[in-house]
Amino acid sequence: MSDIWVFGATVLGVLVIVAGAVWCWPTRIPKGRSVDENRQRIEDEEGRT
């Protein structure tokens, strides 16, 4: 019985972490952008530093 609880708690923990990442970082995962645009943006950020 305890194995089921451990498994359930692990699954819940992973789901919470994934949901939190998706909820908190919408700007880190730009949707609908092309690869070229993302690469250009990364190059621009590297050029500024």
PDB file of N, CA and C in Angstrom:
ATOM      1  N   MET A   1       0.836  -1.205   0.000  1.00  0.00           N
ATOM      2  CA  MET A   1       0.000   0.000   0.000  1.00  0.00           C
ATOM      3  C   MET A   1       0.867   1.250   0.000  1.00  0.00           C
ATOM      4  N   SER A   2       1.964   1.201   0.755  1.00  0.00           N
ATOM      5  CA  SER A   2       2.807   2.398   0.845  1.00  0.00           C
ATOM      6  C   SER A   2       3.472   2.698  -0.498  1.00  0.00           C
ATOM      7  N   ASP A   3       3.732   1.652  -1.300  1.00  0.00           N
ATOM      8  CA  ASP A   3       4.335   1.879  -2.614  1.00  0.00           C
ATOM      9  C   ASP A   3       3.418   2.719  -3.491  1.00  0.00           C
ATOM     10  N   ILE A   4       2.114   2.487  -3.388  1.00  0.00           N
ATOM     11  CA  ILE A   4       1.162   3.261  -4.186  1.00  0.00           C
ATOM     12  C   ILE A   4       1.200   4.726  -3.761  1.00  0.00           C
ATOM     13  N   TRP A   5       1.302   4.974  -2.463  1.00  0.00           N
ATOM     14  CA  TRP A   5       1.348   6.353  -1.981  1.00  0.00           C
ATOM     15  C   TRP A   5       2.619   7.048  -2.452  1.00  0.00           C
ATOM     16  N   VAL A   6       3.743   6.347  -2.405  1.00  0.00           N
ATOM     17  CA  VAL A   6       5.001   6.937  -2.869  1.00  0.00           C
ATOM     18  C   VAL A   6       4.915   7.261  -4.354  1.00  0.00           C
ATOM     19  N   PHE A   7       4.369   6.334  -5.130  1.00  0.00           N
ATOM     20  CA  PHE A   7       4.228   6.558  -6.568  1.00  0.00           C
ATOM     21  C   PHE A   7       3.308   7.745  -6.840  1.00  0.00           C
ATOM     22  N   GLY A   8       2.194   7.792  -6.139  1.00  0.00           N
ATOM     23  CA  GLY A   8       1.243   8.892  -6.328  1.00  0.00           C
ATOM     24  C   GLY A   8       1.850  10.234  -5.956  1.00  0.00           C
ATOM     25  N   ALA A   9       2.585  10.268  -4.852  1.00  0.00           N
ATOM     26  CA  ALA A   9       3.214  11.518  -4.429  1.00  0.00           C
ATOM     27  C   ALA A   9       4.264  11.962  -5.442  1.00  0.00           C
ATOM     28  N   THR A  10       5.007  11.008  -5.996  1.00  0.00           N
ATOM     29  CA  THR A  10       6.025  11.347  -6.996  1.00  0.00           C
ATOM     30  C   THR A  10       5.380  11.921  -8.245  1.00  0.00           C
ATOM     31  N   VAL A  11       4.305  11.286  -8.711  1.00  0.00           N
ATOM     32  CA  VAL A  11       3.613  11.778  -9.908  1.00  0.00           C
ATOM     33  C   VAL A  11       3.051  13.168  -9.653  1.00  0.00           C
ATOM     34  N   LEU A  12       2.440  13.371  -8.494  1.00  0.00           N
ATOM     35  CA  LEU A  12       1.890  14.688  -8.169  1.00  0.00           C
ATOM     36  C   LEU A  12       2.992  15.739  -8.130  1.00  0.00           C
ATOM     37  N   GLY A  13       4.124  15.403  -7.525  1.00  0.00           N
ATOM     38  CA  GLY A  13       5.229  16.355  -7.446  1.00  0.00           C
ATOM     39  C   GLY A  13       5.728  16.757  -8.817  1.00  0.00           C
ATOM     40  N   VAL A  14       5.876  15.773  -9.709  1.00  0.00           N
ATOM     41  CA  VAL A  14       6.343  16.083 -11.064  1.00  0.00           C
ATOM     42  C   VAL A  14       5.324  16.961 -11.782  1.00  0.00           C
ATOM     43  N   LEU A  15       4.048  16.637 -11.642  1.00  0.00           N
ATOM     44  CA  LEU A  15       3.012  17.431 -12.302  1.00  0.00           C
ATOM     45  C   LEU A  15       3.015  18.864 -11.794  1.00  0.00           C
ATOM     46  N   VAL A  16       3.196  19.054 -10.488  1.00  0.00           N
ATOM     47  CA  VAL A  16       3.222  20.400  -9.919  1.00  0.00           C
ATOM     48  C   VAL A  16       4.410  21.181 -10.470  1.00  0.00           C
ATOM     49  N   ILE A  17       5.568  20.531 -10.563  1.00  0.00           N
ATOM     50  CA  ILE A  17       6.763  21.213 -11.065  1.00  0.00           C
ATOM     51  C   ILE A  17       6.569  21.605 -12.530  1.00  0.00           C
ATOM     52  N   VAL A  18       6.059  20.676 -13.336  1.00  0.00           N
ATOM     53  CA  VAL A  18       5.844  20.971 -14.760  1.00  0.00           C
ATOM     54  C   VAL A  18       4.807  22.078 -14.925  1.00  0.00           C
ATOM     55  N   ALA A  19       3.711  21.984 -14.174  1.00  0.00           N
ATOM     56  CA  ALA A  19       2.671  23.003 -14.278  1.00  0.00           C
ATOM     57  C   ALA A  19       3.215  24.363 -13.853  1.00  0.00           C
ATOM     58  N   GLY A  20       4.023  24.388 -12.801  1.00  0.00           N
ATOM     59  CA  GLY A  20       4.609  25.649 -12.353  1.00  0.00           C
ATOM     60  C   GLY A  20       5.552  26.230 -13.385  1.00  0.00           C
ATOM     61  N   ALA A  21       6.330  25.366 -14.036  1.00  0.00           N
ATOM     62  CA  ALA A  21       7.261  25.853 -15.058  1.00  0.00           C
ATOM     63  C   ALA A  21       6.494  26.456 -16.226  1.00  0.00           C
ATOM     64  N   VAL A  22       5.445  25.780 -16.669  1.00  0.00           N
ATOM     65  CA  VAL A  22       4.657  26.292 -17.800  1.00  0.00           C
ATOM     66  C   VAL A  22       3.953  27.590 -17.403  1.00  0.00           C
ATOM     67  N   TRP A  23       3.493  27.674 -16.150  1.00  0.00           N
ATOM     68  CA  TRP A  23       2.740  28.839 -15.693  1.00  0.00           C
ATOM     69  C   TRP A  23       3.658  30.046 -15.505  1.00  0.00           C
ATOM     70  N   CYS A  24       4.866  29.830 -14.989  1.00  0.00           N
ATOM     71  CA  CYS A  24       5.734  30.945 -14.614  1.00  0.00           C
ATOM     72  C   CYS A  24       6.631  31.404 -15.750  1.00  0.00           C
ATOM     73  N   TRP A  25       6.892  30.555 -16.757  1.00  0.00           N
ATOM     74  CA  TRP A  25       7.859  30.931 -17.786  1.00  0.00           C
ATOM     75  C   TRP A  25       7.255  30.963 -19.182  1.00  0.00           C
ATOM     76  N   PRO A  26       6.141  31.682 -19.387  1.00  0.00           N
ATOM     77  CA  PRO A  26       5.590  31.730 -20.751  1.00  0.00           C
ATOM     78  C   PRO A  26       6.518  32.471 -21.706  1.00  0.00           C
ATOM     79  N   THR A  27       7.317  33.408 -21.180  1.00  0.00           N
ATOM     80  CA  THR A  27       8.217  34.166 -22.044  1.00  0.00           C
ATOM     81  C   THR A  27       9.455  33.354 -22.386  1.00  0.00           C
ATOM     82  N   ARG A  28       9.793  32.364 -21.565  1.00  0.00           N
ATOM     83  CA  ARG A  28      10.967  31.539 -21.860  1.00  0.00           C
ATOM     84  C   ARG A  28      10.665  30.537 -22.969  1.00  0.00           C
ATOM     85  N   ILE A  29       9.392  30.242 -23.170  1.00  0.00           N
ATOM     86  CA  ILE A  29       9.010  29.281 -24.206  1.00  0.00           C
ATOM     87  C   ILE A  29       8.116  30.015 -25.209  1.00  0.00           C
ATOM     88  N   PRO A  30       8.714  30.808 -26.088  1.00  0.00           N
ATOM     89  CA  PRO A  30       7.899  31.574 -27.038  1.00  0.00           C
ATOM     90  C   PRO A  30       7.203  30.650 -28.022  1.00  0.00           C
ATOM     91  N   LYS A  31       5.868  30.732 -28.053  1.00  0.00           N
ATOM     92  CA  LYS A  31       5.108  29.860 -28.939  1.00  0.00           C
ATOM     93  C   LYS A  31       4.814  30.599 -30.241  1.00  0.00           C
ATOM     94  N   GLY A  32       4.859  29.872 -31.331  1.00  0.00           N
ATOM     95  CA  GLY A  32       4.524  30.451 -32.617  1.00  0.00           C
ATOM     96  C   GLY A  32       5.681  31.179 -33.278  1.00  0.00           C
ATOM     97  N   ARG A  33       6.853  31.152 -32.703  1.00  0.00           N
ATOM     98  CA  ARG A  33       8.007  31.812 -33.303  1.00  0.00           C
ATOM     99  C   ARG A  33       8.808  30.813 -34.124  1.00  0.00           C
ATOM    100  N   SER A  34       9.422  31.308 -35.171  1.00  0.00           N
ATOM    101  CA  SER A  34      10.239  30.431 -36.000  1.00  0.00           C
ATOM    102  C   SER A  34      11.603  30.236 -35.350  1.00  0.00           C
ATOM    103  N   VAL A  35      12.307  29.220 -35.777  1.00  0.00           N
ATOM    104  CA  VAL A  35      13.636  28.946 -35.223  1.00  0.00           C
ATOM    105  C   VAL A  35      14.586  30.084 -35.560  1.00  0.00           C
ATOM    106  N   ASP A  36      14.461  30.637 -36.763  1.00  0.00           N
ATOM    107  CA  ASP A  36      15.348  31.731 -37.157  1.00  0.00           C
ATOM    108  C   ASP A  36      15.164  32.944 -36.248  1.00  0.00           C
ATOM    109  N   GLU A  37      13.920  33.263 -35.895  1.00  0.00           N
ATOM    110  CA  GLU A  37      13.678  34.407 -35.017  1.00  0.00           C
ATOM    111  C   GLU A  37      14.291  34.165 -33.648  1.00  0.00           C
ATOM    112  N   ASN A  38      14.143  32.957 -33.124  1.00  0.00           N
ATOM    113  CA  ASN A  38      14.729  32.646 -31.822  1.00  0.00           C
ATOM    114  C   ASN A  38      16.244  32.740 -31.875  1.00  0.00           C
ATOM    115  N   ARG A  39      16.847  32.228 -32.937  1.00  0.00           N
ATOM    116  CA  ARG A  39      18.302  32.265 -33.063  1.00  0.00           C
ATOM    117  C   ARG A  39      18.781  33.719 -33.155  1.00  0.00           C
ATOM    118  N   GLN A  40      18.060  34.543 -33.908  1.00  0.00           N
ATOM    119  CA  GLN A  40      18.436  35.953 -34.036  1.00  0.00           C
ATOM    120  C   GLN A  40      18.345  36.653 -32.682  1.00  0.00           C
ATOM    121  N   ARG A  41      17.288  36.349 -31.929  1.00  0.00           N
ATOM    122  CA  ARG A  41      17.122  36.982 -30.619  1.00  0.00           C
ATOM    123  C   ARG A  41      18.255  36.572 -29.684  1.00  0.00           C
ATOM    124  N   ILE A  42      18.650  35.303 -29.714  1.00  0.00           N
ATOM    125  CA  ILE A  42      19.743  34.838 -28.856  1.00  0.00           C
ATOM    126  C   ILE A  42      21.041  35.532 -29.249  1.00  0.00           C
ATOM    127  N   GLU A  43      21.280  35.658 -30.557  1.00  0.00           N
ATOM    128  CA  GLU A  43      22.500  36.333 -31.008  1.00  0.00           C
ATOM    129  C   GLU A  43      22.500  37.794 -30.569  1.00  0.00           C
ATOM    130  N   ASP A  44      21.353  38.453 -30.628  1.00  0.00           N
ATOM    131  CA  ASP A  44      21.267  39.848 -30.190  1.00  0.00           C
ATOM    132  C   ASP A  44      21.584  39.967 -28.703  1.00  0.00           C
ATOM    133  N   GLU A  45      21.051  39.043 -27.891  1.00  0.00           N
ATOM    134  CA  GLU A  45      21.311  39.098 -26.451  1.00  0.00           C
ATOM    135  C   GLU A  45      22.785  38.855 -26.161  1.00  0.00           C
ATOM    136  N   GLU A  46      23.405  37.930 -26.880  1.00  0.00           N
ATOM    137  CA  GLU A  46      24.832  37.658 -26.664  1.00  0.00           C
ATOM    138  C   GLU A  46      25.670  38.855 -27.095  1.00  0.00           C
ATOM    139  N   GLY A  47      25.242  39.555 -28.126  1.00  0.00           N
ATOM    140  CA  GLY A  47      26.002  40.708 -28.606  1.00  0.00           C
ATOM    141  C   GLY A  47      25.963  41.872 -27.633  1.00  0.00           C
ATOM    142  N   ARG A  48      24.903  41.954 -26.833  1.00  0.00           N
ATOM    143  CA  ARG A  48      24.780  43.079 -25.902  1.00  0.00           C
ATOM    144  C   ARG A  48      25.696  42.922 -24.697  1.00  0.00           C
ATOM    145  N   THR A  49      25.902  41.686 -24.254  1.00  0.00           N
ATOM    146  CA  THR A  49      26.693  41.476 -23.033  1.00  0.00           C
ATOM    147  C   THR A  49      28.166  41.658 -23.306  1.00  0.00           C
TER     148      THR A  49
END
